[in-house]
Amino acid sequence: MAKTVIEVRKNPNENNASVLRRFSRRIQESNIIQKVKGNRYNERKESKLKIKKSALKRMGKRKENEKLRKLGKIK
């Protein structure tokens, strides 16, 4: 996500509450919070290499279990 800089400067006759209000309004208008909340649960896809390695691991375990089952060591 690209960084967005939002700057609000205090006017000479302005109190802190109105500056804060202007800042929060600018944040809402820029949709930064919605974008962050939208990406909150986004998960990356696993790489092809990781998928292949896990598949090979599963195949190896399955082969080992079959071998042990044939030998009668596990039911």
N, C-alpha and C. Protein backbone atom coordinates (compact mmCIF):
# COMPACT_ATOMS: atom_id res chain seq x y z
N MET A 1 0.84 -1.17 0.00
CA MET A 1 0.00 0.00 0.00
C MET A 1 0.90 1.24 0.00
N ALA A 2 0.58 2.19 -0.86
CA ALA A 2 1.35 3.41 -0.94
C ALA A 2 1.10 4.26 0.30
N LYS A 3 2.14 4.91 0.73
CA LYS A 3 2.00 5.76 1.92
C LYS A 3 1.32 7.06 1.51
N THR A 4 0.36 7.48 2.29
CA THR A 4 -0.34 8.73 2.05
C THR A 4 -0.03 9.67 3.20
N VAL A 5 0.40 10.86 2.86
CA VAL A 5 0.72 11.84 3.88
C VAL A 5 -0.42 12.84 3.97
N ILE A 6 -0.98 12.96 5.14
CA ILE A 6 -2.05 13.93 5.38
C ILE A 6 -1.54 14.91 6.41
N GLU A 7 -1.51 16.17 6.01
CA GLU A 7 -0.98 17.20 6.90
C GLU A 7 -2.05 18.25 7.14
N VAL A 8 -2.26 18.57 8.40
CA VAL A 8 -3.23 19.61 8.77
C VAL A 8 -2.50 20.58 9.68
N ARG A 9 -2.51 21.85 9.30
CA ARG A 9 -1.83 22.87 10.12
C ARG A 9 -2.87 23.68 10.89
N LYS A 10 -2.49 24.04 12.08
CA LYS A 10 -3.39 24.80 12.94
C LYS A 10 -3.40 26.27 12.54
N ASN A 11 -4.61 26.78 12.33
CA ASN A 11 -4.75 28.20 12.02
C ASN A 11 -4.58 29.01 13.31
N PRO A 12 -4.22 30.28 13.21
CA PRO A 12 -3.93 31.07 14.42
C PRO A 12 -5.08 31.16 15.42
N ASN A 13 -6.32 31.27 14.94
CA ASN A 13 -7.46 31.43 15.85
C ASN A 13 -8.27 30.13 15.97
N GLU A 14 -7.60 28.99 15.87
CA GLU A 14 -8.32 27.72 15.87
C GLU A 14 -7.92 26.91 17.11
N ASN A 15 -8.91 26.27 17.71
CA ASN A 15 -8.59 25.46 18.89
C ASN A 15 -8.20 24.03 18.47
N ASN A 16 -7.67 23.26 19.43
CA ASN A 16 -7.16 21.92 19.14
C ASN A 16 -8.26 20.96 18.70
N ALA A 17 -9.44 21.10 19.24
CA ALA A 17 -10.55 20.20 18.89
C ALA A 17 -10.92 20.33 17.42
N SER A 18 -10.96 21.55 16.91
CA SER A 18 -11.33 21.73 15.50
C SER A 18 -10.22 21.23 14.57
N VAL A 19 -8.97 21.35 14.98
CA VAL A 19 -7.86 20.82 14.18
C VAL A 19 -7.98 19.29 14.11
N LEU A 20 -8.26 18.69 15.24
CA LEU A 20 -8.42 17.24 15.30
C LEU A 20 -9.61 16.80 14.44
N ARG A 21 -10.68 17.57 14.49
CA ARG A 21 -11.87 17.26 13.70
C ARG A 21 -11.56 17.33 12.21
N ARG A 22 -10.81 18.38 11.79
CA ARG A 22 -10.43 18.52 10.38
C ARG A 22 -9.53 17.38 9.93
N PHE A 23 -8.60 16.99 10.83
CA PHE A 23 -7.69 15.89 10.50
C PHE A 23 -8.46 14.58 10.32
N SER A 24 -9.36 14.29 11.26
CA SER A 24 -10.11 13.04 11.16
C SER A 24 -11.03 13.03 9.93
N ARG A 25 -11.55 14.18 9.55
CA ARG A 25 -12.37 14.27 8.35
C ARG A 25 -11.53 13.97 7.10
N ARG A 26 -10.31 14.53 7.08
CA ARG A 26 -9.42 14.27 5.93
C ARG A 26 -9.05 12.79 5.85
N ILE A 27 -8.84 12.17 7.00
CA ILE A 27 -8.53 10.74 7.03
C ILE A 27 -9.69 9.95 6.45
N GLN A 28 -10.90 10.26 6.85
CA GLN A 28 -12.09 9.56 6.35
C GLN A 28 -12.26 9.77 4.85
N GLU A 29 -12.01 10.98 4.38
CA GLU A 29 -12.15 11.26 2.95
C GLU A 29 -11.13 10.51 2.11
N SER A 30 -9.95 10.26 2.67
CA SER A 30 -8.90 9.58 1.91
C SER A 30 -9.07 8.06 1.90
N ASN A 31 -10.01 7.52 2.69
CA ASN A 31 -10.32 6.08 2.75
C ASN A 31 -9.14 5.22 3.20
N ILE A 32 -8.23 5.78 3.98
CA ILE A 32 -7.09 5.02 4.47
C ILE A 32 -7.56 3.90 5.40
N ILE A 33 -8.44 4.23 6.31
CA ILE A 33 -8.90 3.26 7.31
C ILE A 33 -9.64 2.10 6.64
N GLN A 34 -10.48 2.41 5.64
CA GLN A 34 -11.21 1.35 4.95
C GLN A 34 -10.26 0.42 4.22
N LYS A 35 -9.21 0.97 3.60
CA LYS A 35 -8.25 0.13 2.89
C LYS A 35 -7.52 -0.80 3.86
N VAL A 36 -7.11 -0.26 4.99
CA VAL A 36 -6.38 -1.07 5.98
C VAL A 36 -7.28 -2.17 6.53
N LYS A 37 -8.53 -1.82 6.85
CA LYS A 37 -9.45 -2.82 7.37
C LYS A 37 -9.76 -3.88 6.31
N GLY A 38 -9.77 -3.49 5.05
CA GLY A 38 -10.02 -4.43 3.98
C GLY A 38 -8.89 -5.42 3.81
N ASN A 39 -7.66 -4.96 4.03
CA ASN A 39 -6.48 -5.82 3.88
C ASN A 39 -6.15 -6.60 5.14
N ARG A 40 -6.89 -6.38 6.19
CA ARG A 40 -6.57 -6.97 7.49
C ARG A 40 -6.51 -8.49 7.45
N TYR A 41 -7.45 -9.13 6.79
CA TYR A 41 -7.52 -10.60 6.78
C TYR A 41 -7.07 -11.18 5.45
N ASN A 42 -6.44 -10.38 4.62
CA ASN A 42 -5.96 -10.85 3.33
C ASN A 42 -4.74 -11.73 3.54
N GLU A 43 -4.79 -12.95 3.03
CA GLU A 43 -3.67 -13.87 3.19
C GLU A 43 -2.98 -14.07 1.86
N ARG A 44 -1.68 -14.17 1.90
CA ARG A 44 -0.90 -14.38 0.69
C ARG A 44 -1.06 -15.81 0.22
N LYS A 45 -0.95 -16.02 -1.09
CA LYS A 45 -0.98 -17.37 -1.63
C LYS A 45 0.35 -18.04 -1.32
N GLU A 46 0.30 -19.36 -1.13
CA GLU A 46 1.54 -20.09 -0.90
C GLU A 46 2.31 -20.19 -2.21
N SER A 47 3.61 -20.18 -2.11
CA SER A 47 4.43 -20.27 -3.32
C SER A 47 4.33 -21.69 -3.89
N LYS A 48 4.60 -21.81 -5.18
CA LYS A 48 4.52 -23.12 -5.84
C LYS A 48 5.50 -24.10 -5.22
N LEU A 49 6.68 -23.61 -4.85
CA LEU A 49 7.70 -24.48 -4.26
C LEU A 49 7.20 -25.06 -2.94
N LYS A 50 6.57 -24.22 -2.12
CA LYS A 50 6.08 -24.67 -0.82
C LYS A 50 4.97 -25.71 -1.01
N ILE A 51 4.09 -25.50 -1.99
CA ILE A 51 3.01 -26.45 -2.26
C ILE A 51 3.59 -27.79 -2.69
N LYS A 52 4.61 -27.75 -3.57
CA LYS A 52 5.23 -28.99 -4.05
C LYS A 52 5.92 -29.74 -2.91
N LYS A 53 6.62 -28.99 -2.05
CA LYS A 53 7.32 -29.64 -0.93
C LYS A 53 6.34 -30.31 0.01
N SER A 54 5.22 -29.65 0.30
CA SER A 54 4.25 -30.25 1.21
C SER A 54 3.60 -31.47 0.57
N ALA A 55 3.38 -31.43 -0.74
CA ALA A 55 2.80 -32.58 -1.44
C ALA A 55 3.77 -33.76 -1.37
N LEU A 56 5.05 -33.51 -1.58
CA LEU A 56 6.05 -34.58 -1.50
C LEU A 56 6.12 -35.16 -0.09
N LYS A 57 6.01 -34.29 0.91
CA LYS A 57 6.03 -34.74 2.30
C LYS A 57 4.85 -35.66 2.58
N ARG A 58 3.64 -35.24 2.12
CA ARG A 58 2.44 -36.06 2.31
C ARG A 58 2.59 -37.41 1.63
N MET A 59 3.14 -37.41 0.41
CA MET A 59 3.31 -38.66 -0.33
C MET A 59 4.27 -39.59 0.42
N GLY A 60 5.33 -39.01 0.97
CA GLY A 60 6.31 -39.81 1.71
C GLY A 60 5.69 -40.42 2.96
N LYS A 61 4.90 -39.63 3.69
CA LYS A 61 4.25 -40.15 4.91
C LYS A 61 3.26 -41.25 4.56
N ARG A 62 2.51 -41.05 3.48
CA ARG A 62 1.53 -42.04 3.06
C ARG A 62 2.21 -43.35 2.69
N LYS A 63 3.35 -43.25 1.99
CA LYS A 63 4.11 -44.44 1.59
C LYS A 63 4.63 -45.17 2.82
N GLU A 64 5.14 -44.42 3.79
CA GLU A 64 5.68 -45.01 5.02
C GLU A 64 4.57 -45.71 5.81
N ASN A 65 3.39 -45.07 5.91
CA ASN A 65 2.26 -45.69 6.62
C ASN A 65 1.81 -46.97 5.93
N GLU A 66 1.78 -46.97 4.60
CA GLU A 66 1.40 -48.19 3.86
C GLU A 66 2.38 -49.32 4.15
N LYS A 67 3.66 -48.97 4.15
CA LYS A 67 4.70 -49.96 4.41
C LYS A 67 4.53 -50.57 5.81
N LEU A 68 4.31 -49.69 6.82
CA LEU A 68 4.14 -50.17 8.19
C LEU A 68 2.86 -51.00 8.32
N ARG A 69 1.81 -50.63 7.60
CA ARG A 69 0.55 -51.37 7.64
C ARG A 69 0.74 -52.77 7.07
N LYS A 70 1.50 -52.87 5.98
CA LYS A 70 1.76 -54.17 5.35
C LYS A 70 2.58 -55.07 6.27
N LEU A 71 3.50 -54.45 7.02
CA LEU A 71 4.31 -55.22 7.95
C LEU A 71 3.55 -55.58 9.21
N GLY A 72 2.37 -54.99 9.42
CA GLY A 72 1.55 -55.30 10.57
C GLY A 72 1.95 -54.54 11.82
N LYS A 73 2.73 -53.48 11.68
CA LYS A 73 3.16 -52.72 12.85
C LYS A 73 2.11 -51.71 13.30
N ILE A 74 1.25 -51.25 12.38
CA ILE A 74 0.13 -50.38 12.76
C ILE A 74 -1.13 -50.92 12.10
N LYS A 75 -2.26 -50.61 12.73
CA LYS A 75 -3.53 -51.09 12.17
C LYS A 75 -4.15 -50.07 11.28
